[in-house]
Amino acid sequence: MPDAWKHLNLRGEGLQSLNLRLTGLLRKPHRAYALMLLFPLGLHRAYLGDARGAWAWRAGSLAAAGLLLWARPWGYLSLALLAAALFADAWFTERRCAEYNRALRRRMYFSPGTEPPQGYRGRQLNDGGNELQDYLAQKRGESPSPHAPVTRPAGARAPSFNEQEALLKELARRPRSAHGKPR
């Protein structure tokens, strides 16, 4: 279920909705490589947000086709140059894809509307400076978790997945008390 979260939308305006939009906009190198099959159209460059590069591919392809028709030796040379440029594009595609995705993340995460509320000054320390001690005292006074921590002797290994499953089945079979805890 690694990609199931991409289809879940709680319709909130927050980090989850931002990440959902972002995953749909991120560029993937394998798609750019697939678009390189249509290199005369420059679609692989357009996919990565390089409009000038896409138009340069289109112009170069038209020039090479024209040279092939009217001046064969120069046409072969232009095809060799296009092949070298295609090799260079293939070499740098992953880097261009990462740069595009990084810039997209920056634009989305730092876009207007993501700044803190007006008047927010961050976490402020009390004048007395006893904030940490107050917090620790509050936490000590809270009720402990109903689940006791698992302690193992030093050097003991962690239980295997099958042992953990067996323990969970055993806990599920135990009768429950009035408070919902196993007896």
Foldseek 3Di string as FASTA:
>chain_A
DVCPLLVDDPPDPDDSVLVNVLVVLQDDLVVLVVCCVVQLQQVSCVSLVNPVSRVVSVVLSVVLVVCCVPPNVVSVVSVVVSVVVSVVCNVCSVVSSVVSSVVVVCCSCVPPPNDDDPPDDDDDADPVNCVVVVVVVVVVPDDDDPDDDDDDPPPDDDDDPVVVVVVVVVLVPADADPVRHGD
